[in-house]
Protein backbone atom coordinates (compact mmCIF):
# COMPACT_ATOMS: atom_id res chain seq x y z
CA MET A 1 6.33 19.32 0.03
CA THR A 2 3.48 21.86 0.16
CA THR A 3 0.40 22.21 2.32
CA VAL A 4 -3.20 23.21 1.84
CA THR A 5 -5.57 24.42 4.52
CA GLY A 6 -8.45 24.39 4.80
CA PRO A 7 -25.41 8.78 12.59
CA HIS A 8 -21.34 8.29 12.77
CA PRO A 9 -19.90 5.22 11.01
CA ARG A 10 -18.66 2.23 13.00
CA ARG A 11 -15.15 2.65 11.71
CA ARG A 12 -11.97 0.66 12.26
CA THR A 13 -9.57 1.95 14.90
CA LEU A 14 -6.30 1.21 13.14
CA LEU A 15 -5.89 4.28 10.97
CA THR A 16 -3.84 6.67 13.07
CA GLY A 17 -0.38 7.73 12.00
CA ALA A 18 1.31 8.16 8.67
CA PHE A 19 4.67 6.45 8.26
CA ALA A 20 6.55 7.47 5.13
CA LEU A 21 7.95 4.21 3.81
CA GLY A 22 10.07 5.46 0.95
CA ALA A 23 9.84 7.70 -2.04
CA ALA A 24 7.23 6.76 -4.61
CA THR A 25 8.72 5.43 -7.80
CA VAL A 26 6.65 4.84 -10.94
CA LEU A 27 7.18 5.14 -14.63
CA PRO A 28 6.12 8.46 -16.15
CA VAL A 29 2.71 8.40 -17.73
CA GLY A 30 2.67 9.21 -21.46
CA LEU A 31 0.55 11.93 -22.97
CA ALA A 32 -1.62 9.40 -24.78
CA ASP A 33 -2.27 7.55 -21.52
CA ARG A 34 -3.20 10.82 -19.81
CA ALA A 35 -5.58 11.75 -22.60
CA ARG A 36 -7.29 8.38 -22.41
CA ALA A 37 -7.45 8.57 -18.62
CA ALA A 38 -9.11 11.98 -18.84
CA ALA A 39 -11.62 10.71 -21.39
CA ASP A 40 -12.46 7.66 -19.24
CA ALA A 41 -12.52 9.51 -15.92
CA PRO A 42 -15.45 8.60 -13.66
CA VAL A 43 -17.67 11.34 -12.31
CA ILE A 44 -16.30 12.27 -8.88
CA ALA A 45 -18.13 14.73 -6.63
CA ASP A 46 -15.57 17.01 -5.02
CA CYS A 47 -15.65 18.25 -1.44
CA ALA A 48 -17.52 21.43 -2.34
CA VAL A 49 -20.30 19.47 -4.08
CA TRP A 50 -21.08 17.22 -1.12
CA GLY A 51 -20.76 19.99 1.43
CA ALA A 52 -17.50 19.19 3.21
CA ARG A 53 -16.30 21.22 6.15
CA PRO A 54 -12.98 23.00 5.69
CA PRO A 55 -9.99 21.00 6.96
CA GLY A 56 -9.19 21.54 10.61
CA GLY A 57 -5.60 22.46 9.77
CA SER A 58 -2.94 22.13 7.11
CA LEU A 59 -2.93 19.09 4.84
CA THR A 60 0.36 17.82 3.46
CA ILE A 61 0.77 17.43 -0.28
CA LEU A 62 3.69 15.16 -1.03
CA PRO A 63 5.71 15.85 -4.20
CA THR A 64 5.59 12.19 -5.23
CA PRO A 65 2.83 10.01 -6.69
CA PRO A 66 1.41 7.00 -4.81
CA VAL A 67 2.73 3.49 -5.43
CA LYS A 68 -0.42 1.55 -4.62
CA ILE A 69 -4.17 1.60 -4.03
CA ILE A 70 -5.72 0.25 -0.81
CA VAL A 71 -9.36 -0.86 -0.77
CA HIS A 72 -11.53 -0.50 2.36
CA HIS A 73 -15.11 -0.92 3.46
CA THR A 74 -16.72 1.64 5.78
CA ALA A 75 -18.14 -1.02 8.15
CA THR A 76 -21.43 0.88 8.07
CA PRO A 77 -24.91 -0.59 7.38
CA ASN A 78 -25.63 -1.95 3.91
CA VAL A 79 -28.27 0.68 3.25
CA THR A 80 -30.98 0.33 0.62
CA ASP A 81 -30.95 4.06 -0.06
CA HIS A 82 -28.82 4.24 -3.18
CA SER A 83 -29.37 7.94 -3.90
CA GLN A 84 -26.75 10.58 -4.50
CA GLU A 85 -27.89 12.38 -1.35
CA GLN A 86 -27.13 9.26 0.70
CA ALA A 87 -23.62 9.24 -0.78
CA PHE A 88 -23.20 12.86 0.29
CA ARG A 89 -24.61 12.16 3.76
CA LEU A 90 -22.12 9.34 4.16
CA ALA A 91 -19.25 11.61 3.12
CA ARG A 92 -20.30 14.26 5.66
CA SER A 93 -20.75 11.66 8.37
CA MET A 94 -17.33 10.15 7.75
CA GLN A 95 -15.70 13.55 7.82
CA ASN A 96 -17.45 14.43 11.09
CA TRP A 97 -16.36 11.10 12.60
CA ALA A 98 -12.74 11.66 11.53
CA MET A 99 -12.54 15.25 12.73
CA GLU A 100 -14.64 15.01 15.88
CA GLY A 101 -14.18 11.40 16.91
CA ARG A 102 -10.53 11.04 15.95
CA SER A 103 -9.37 14.67 16.01
CA TRP A 104 -7.99 14.28 12.51
CA THR A 105 -7.51 17.25 10.23
CA ASP A 106 -9.93 15.89 7.62
CA THR A 107 -11.50 12.70 6.32
CA GLY A 108 -8.94 9.89 6.25
CA GLN A 109 -9.51 8.40 2.79
CA HIS A 110 -8.97 9.93 -0.64
CA PHE A 111 -12.19 8.68 -2.25
CA SER A 112 -15.42 6.87 -1.31
CA ILE A 113 -17.90 4.84 -3.34
CA SER A 114 -21.47 4.66 -2.07
CA ARG A 115 -23.79 1.66 -2.26
CA GLY A 116 -25.48 3.55 -5.07
CA ALA A 117 -22.17 3.67 -6.99
CA TYR A 118 -21.62 7.41 -6.53
CA VAL A 119 -17.95 8.37 -6.20
CA VAL A 120 -16.99 11.26 -3.92
CA GLU A 121 -13.73 12.92 -3.01
CA GLY A 122 -12.72 12.36 0.61
CA ARG A 123 -9.71 14.33 1.87
CA HIS A 124 -9.51 17.82 0.40
CA GLY A 125 -7.20 18.11 -2.58
CA SER A 126 -7.34 14.43 -3.52
CA LEU A 127 -9.23 14.99 -6.76
CA ALA A 128 -7.07 17.92 -7.86
CA GLU A 129 -3.91 15.89 -7.28
CA LEU A 130 -5.37 12.87 -9.08
CA ARG A 131 -6.01 15.08 -12.09
CA ARG A 132 -2.45 16.39 -11.87
CA GLY A 133 -1.09 12.83 -11.65
CA THR A 134 2.23 13.62 -9.99
CA ARG A 135 1.57 14.32 -6.29
CA THR A 136 -0.23 12.71 -3.34
CA VAL A 137 -2.28 14.16 -0.50
CA GLU A 138 -1.05 12.51 2.70
CA SER A 139 -3.95 10.62 4.22
CA ALA A 140 -5.05 8.70 7.31
CA HIS A 141 -6.63 5.48 6.03
CA CYS A 142 -3.93 2.84 6.65
CA THR A 143 -1.17 2.99 9.24
CA GLY A 144 2.22 2.74 7.58
CA GLN A 145 0.94 3.57 4.11
CA ASN A 146 -0.59 7.02 4.34
CA ALA A 147 2.20 8.73 2.41
CA VAL A 148 2.38 6.18 -0.41
CA ALA A 149 -1.13 4.78 -1.03
CA ILE A 150 -4.48 6.00 -2.33
CA GLY A 151 -7.30 4.90 -0.02
CA ILE A 152 -10.75 4.03 -1.38
CA GLU A 153 -13.67 3.47 0.99
CA ASN A 154 -16.63 1.38 -0.12
CA GLU A 155 -19.86 2.06 1.73
CA GLY A 156 -21.14 -1.00 3.58
CA THR A 157 -19.99 -4.04 5.53
CA TYR A 158 -18.70 -6.89 3.38
CA THR A 159 -17.87 -9.60 5.88
CA SER A 160 -20.66 -11.92 4.71
CA VAL A 161 -22.21 -10.27 1.64
CA ASP A 162 -20.78 -8.97 -1.61
CA PRO A 163 -20.88 -5.32 -2.63
CA ARG A 164 -23.60 -4.41 -5.10
CA GLY A 165 -22.72 -5.02 -8.73
CA ALA A 166 -22.96 -1.33 -9.59
CA GLN A 167 -20.74 -0.43 -6.65
CA TYR A 168 -18.12 -2.97 -7.70
CA ALA A 169 -18.23 -1.66 -11.30
CA ALA A 170 -17.63 1.86 -9.98
CA LEU A 171 -14.65 0.53 -8.00
CA VAL A 172 -13.18 -0.98 -11.18
CA ASP A 173 -13.69 2.32 -13.02
CA LEU A 174 -12.07 4.36 -10.25
CA CYS A 175 -9.10 2.02 -9.80
CA ALA A 176 -8.44 1.92 -13.55
CA HIS A 177 -8.56 5.71 -13.70
CA ILE A 178 -6.20 6.10 -10.73
CA CYS A 179 -3.79 3.60 -12.28
CA ARG A 180 -3.74 5.49 -15.57
CA GLN A 181 -3.29 8.86 -13.92
CA TYR A 182 -0.46 7.76 -11.64
CA GLY A 183 1.15 5.11 -13.83
CA LEU A 184 0.26 2.29 -11.45
CA ARG A 185 -0.18 -1.36 -12.42
CA ALA A 186 -3.13 -3.56 -11.56
CA TYR A 187 -1.14 -5.72 -9.15
CA GLN A 188 -0.59 -2.64 -7.01
CA ILE A 189 -4.17 -2.86 -5.70
CA TYR A 190 -4.44 -4.23 -2.15
CA GLY A 191 -6.85 -4.61 0.74
CA HIS A 192 -6.46 -2.89 4.11
CA ARG A 193 -5.78 -6.22 5.85
CA ASP A 194 -2.68 -6.68 3.71
CA PHE A 195 -1.04 -4.05 5.95
CA ASN A 196 -2.85 -3.73 9.30
CA ALA A 197 -4.43 -6.10 11.84
CA THR A 198 -8.01 -5.56 10.69
CA ASP A 199 -10.88 -7.42 9.03
CA CYS A 200 -11.23 -4.60 6.49
CA PRO A 201 -12.34 -4.67 3.70
CA GLY A 202 -14.41 -7.67 4.82
CA ASP A 203 -13.97 -11.28 3.74
CA ARG A 204 -16.29 -11.02 0.73
CA LEU A 205 -14.76 -7.87 -0.69
CA TYR A 206 -11.22 -9.04 0.05
CA VAL A 207 -11.76 -12.26 -1.87
CA LEU A 208 -12.88 -10.15 -4.85
CA LEU A 209 -9.54 -8.33 -5.05
CA PRO A 210 -7.90 -10.80 -7.47
CA GLN A 211 -10.90 -10.30 -9.77
CA LEU A 212 -10.63 -6.54 -9.28
CA ARG A 213 -6.99 -6.67 -10.35
CA ARG A 214 -7.91 -8.73 -13.42
CA ASP A 215 -10.73 -6.37 -14.35
CA VAL A 216 -8.45 -3.35 -14.00
CA ALA A 217 -5.71 -5.09 -15.99
CA ALA A 218 -8.24 -5.69 -18.76
CA ARG A 219 -8.55 -1.90 -19.01
CA ILE A 220 -4.91 -0.84 -18.62
CA GLY A 221 -2.94 -3.96 -19.58
CA GLY A 222 -0.27 -5.86 -17.69
CA ASP A 223 -0.10 -8.86 -15.39
CA PRO A 224 -2.52 -8.50 -12.43
CA THR A 225 -0.92 -11.22 -10.27
CA ALA A 226 -0.18 -9.95 -6.77
CA PRO A 227 3.42 -10.26 -5.50
CA PRO A 228 4.23 -13.51 -3.63
CA TRP A 229 5.84 -13.36 -0.19
CA PRO A 230 7.60 -16.06 1.85
CA VAL A 231 6.82 -16.65 5.53
CA LEU A 232 9.96 -16.56 7.65
CA ARG A 233 10.11 -17.42 11.34
CA ALA A 234 12.25 -18.21 14.33
CA GLY A 235 12.73 -21.75 15.62
CA ALA A 236 10.13 -23.46 17.77
CA THR A 237 12.45 -24.08 20.70
CA GLY A 238 13.69 -21.48 23.12
CA GLY A 239 17.31 -20.65 23.75
CA THR A 240 19.18 -18.29 25.99
CA GLY A 241 21.95 -17.11 23.76
CA GLY A 242 22.22 -14.66 20.91
CA GLU A 243 21.07 -14.74 17.33
CA GLY A 244 23.04 -17.88 16.54
CA ASP A 245 22.04 -19.87 19.65
CA ALA A 246 21.74 -23.54 18.70
CA GLY A 247 18.50 -23.83 20.66
CA ASP A 248 16.79 -21.24 18.46
CA VAL A 249 17.16 -22.75 15.03
CA GLY A 250 14.83 -20.86 12.70
CA ASP A 251 14.93 -19.94 9.05
CA THR A 252 18.33 -19.07 7.63
CA GLY A 253 19.73 -17.80 4.38
CA ASP A 254 19.57 -14.83 2.05
CA GLN A 255 15.83 -14.28 2.48
CA VAL A 256 16.43 -13.74 6.19
CA ARG A 257 19.46 -11.56 5.49
CA ALA A 258 17.36 -9.36 3.20
CA LEU A 259 14.66 -9.15 5.89
CA GLN A 260 17.25 -8.10 8.44
CA HIS A 261 18.60 -5.35 6.18
CA LEU A 262 15.07 -4.00 5.73
CA LEU A 263 14.47 -4.06 9.49
CA VAL A 264 17.77 -2.28 10.14
CA GLY A 265 16.63 0.34 7.65
CA ARG A 266 13.59 0.89 9.88
CA GLY A 267 15.67 1.37 13.00
CA ALA A 268 16.22 -2.17 14.31
CA ALA A 269 19.53 -2.96 16.03
CA LEU A 270 20.39 -6.14 14.16
CA THR A 271 23.30 -7.84 12.47
CA ALA A 272 22.33 -9.10 9.03
CA ASP A 273 23.71 -12.61 9.55
CA GLY A 274 20.97 -14.56 7.77
CA SER A 275 19.75 -16.35 10.93
CA PHE A 276 16.19 -15.81 12.18
CA GLY A 277 16.85 -16.00 15.90
CA PRO A 278 15.37 -14.22 18.95
CA ALA A 279 16.74 -10.78 18.09
CA THR A 280 15.25 -10.90 14.61
CA GLU A 281 11.92 -12.13 15.96
CA LYS A 282 11.85 -9.24 18.43
CA ALA A 283 12.70 -6.77 15.68
CA VAL A 284 9.84 -8.16 13.57
CA ARG A 285 7.38 -7.89 16.49
CA ASP A 286 8.50 -4.35 17.28
CA PHE A 287 8.06 -3.30 13.67
CA GLN A 288 4.66 -4.99 13.46
CA GLY A 289 3.53 -3.08 16.53
CA LEU A 290 4.73 0.19 15.06
CA VAL A 291 2.70 -0.22 11.86
CA HIS A 292 -0.32 -1.91 13.49
CA ALA A 293 0.26 -5.23 11.73
CA THR A 294 -0.54 -8.52 13.44
CA ALA A 295 2.25 -8.83 16.04
CA ASP A 296 2.98 -12.55 15.61
CA GLY A 297 6.74 -12.36 15.03
CA LEU A 298 6.35 -13.99 11.60
CA ALA A 299 7.67 -12.22 8.54
CA GLY A 300 4.71 -12.81 6.25
CA ASN A 301 2.26 -10.91 4.07
CA GLN A 302 1.67 -7.84 6.26
CA THR A 303 5.29 -7.49 7.34
CA TRP A 304 6.68 -7.63 3.80
CA HIS A 305 4.00 -5.27 2.51
CA GLN A 306 4.94 -2.76 5.19
CA LEU A 307 8.70 -3.16 4.84
CA VAL A 308 9.05 -3.13 1.07
CA ALA A 309 9.07 0.22 -0.72
CA PRO A 310 10.28 0.83 -4.29
CA VAL A 311 14.01 1.45 -4.77
CA ARG A 312 15.74 2.63 -7.92
CA ARG A 313 18.82 4.27 -9.36
CA ASP A 314 20.63 6.66 -6.97
CA ALA A 315 18.95 5.23 -3.85
CA SER A 316 21.15 4.11 -0.99
CA GLY A 317 20.83 2.34 2.34
CA GLU A 318 19.64 -0.92 3.81
CA ALA A 319 16.82 -1.53 1.34
CA VAL A 320 19.38 -1.42 -1.47
CA ARG A 321 21.57 -3.88 0.44
CA ALA A 322 18.56 -6.20 0.72
CA VAL A 323 18.08 -6.05 -3.05
CA GLN A 324 21.77 -6.67 -3.69
CA VAL A 325 21.82 -9.70 -1.38
CA LEU A 326 18.84 -11.20 -3.21
CA LEU A 327 20.30 -10.48 -6.65
CA GLY A 328 23.40 -12.43 -5.67
CA ALA A 329 21.27 -15.27 -4.36
CA ARG A 330 19.48 -15.35 -7.72
CA GLY A 331 22.72 -15.75 -9.64
CA VAL A 332 23.21 -12.11 -10.58
CA PRO A 333 26.45 -11.14 -8.76
CA THR A 334 26.17 -7.68 -7.23
CA ALA A 335 28.31 -5.82 -4.70
CA VAL A 336 26.43 -5.48 -1.39
CA ASP A 337 27.38 -1.87 -0.69
CA GLY A 338 23.98 -0.22 -0.31
CA VAL A 339 24.45 2.00 -3.36
CA PHE A 340 22.02 1.68 -6.27
CA ASP A 341 24.47 2.61 -9.01
CA ALA A 342 24.64 1.70 -12.68
CA GLY A 343 25.95 -1.77 -11.86
CA THR A 344 23.05 -2.54 -9.54
CA GLN A 345 20.59 -1.17 -12.08
CA THR A 346 22.02 -3.44 -14.76
CA ALA A 347 21.78 -6.39 -12.38
CA VAL A 348 18.14 -5.54 -11.66
CA THR A 349 17.19 -5.30 -15.33
CA THR A 350 19.04 -8.55 -16.03
CA PHE A 351 17.00 -10.29 -13.34
CA GLN A 352 13.74 -8.68 -14.47
CA THR A 353 14.29 -9.80 -18.05
CA ALA A 354 15.03 -13.37 -16.97
CA ALA A 355 11.95 -13.36 -14.72
CA GLY A 356 9.64 -12.05 -17.44
CA LEU A 357 9.10 -8.74 -15.65
CA PRO A 358 9.12 -5.23 -17.15
CA ALA A 359 12.84 -4.42 -17.30
CA ASP A 360 12.53 -0.89 -15.93
CA GLY A 361 15.30 -1.16 -13.35
CA VAL A 362 12.92 -0.27 -10.51
CA VAL A 363 12.60 -2.76 -7.65
CA ASP A 364 8.93 -2.46 -6.76
CA ALA A 365 6.85 -4.99 -4.85
CA ARG A 366 6.55 -7.33 -7.86
CA THR A 367 10.31 -7.47 -8.46
CA PHE A 368 11.05 -7.72 -4.74
CA GLY A 369 8.60 -10.59 -4.37
CA ARG A 370 10.20 -12.45 -7.28
CA LEU A 371 13.66 -11.88 -5.83
CA LEU A 372 12.53 -13.39 -2.55
CA GLY A 373 11.06 -16.28 -4.51
């Protein structure tokens, strides 16, 4: 990887840290797609245009593209000043807050959209890398996802009101452009609360995300349906023994075994026995605390979103074992050896074809969600 150098908002406090959750894996974008993306690119004011300060230190440019987009709101007032200068003032204010209030190197997000529908670059280098379409500037907008996700801030507070129509239209334009540039699909658009214990991006903007995915899919094609995730848990009664204690009967089976493999891959000391007992619950809570998810001990939406990263040919480790366990459970026999070889790739494409998914051999969130079923 390479590096580049270089009134305050009421902002959420859950953005510190950047946990690399796996190498980004997307299909290469064709020349025709790139040409169309360039032609349809929204106007984005770069850091020099809005008067950004230089970064306070080196910024990391990762050699891989992002695998998702995360939508935020700034939790600032819903101003009636919709001018370009207000958009620039907001960008400067957010950068000052990040650098002075949080001691960050630069603004946390990659891009911001003002109430007046002006789009500005956030963290230095974000626009240049978007135009390149192959690399990502490491960010500070969502704990656990800063190395794999593009962060978009939307000016305002959307807990009880909707964003302005023009602002929402600009969000559709920007998301569609990012998807084309990086080869992302519409279902790879999420809200901040899908990963961290936060109200962001506000109830009203969050409920618009399915529509946002549909509107983006109308531009770029594909199925916009977000991946489904099961909720797994320990038993309601307490026991004193180990993972298989009869007093701690929780969920069991291959879904739990896959969860355990993923947790082991993140450093948990677990045996992947398929039983959601006290040790697994503790491992879930520990992981949730690490990534600032809601620490409830349940393996649900936030936990899966944080645990699952794309895996493909030549990968190895616990995430591959999780995939292999689930393939077997879905009637596609696969050796559980943690090696994503040609046999595992064939098994993945066989499952994807049967499930009506793009048979690209890459286990992204959509394929993983279907495997968990």
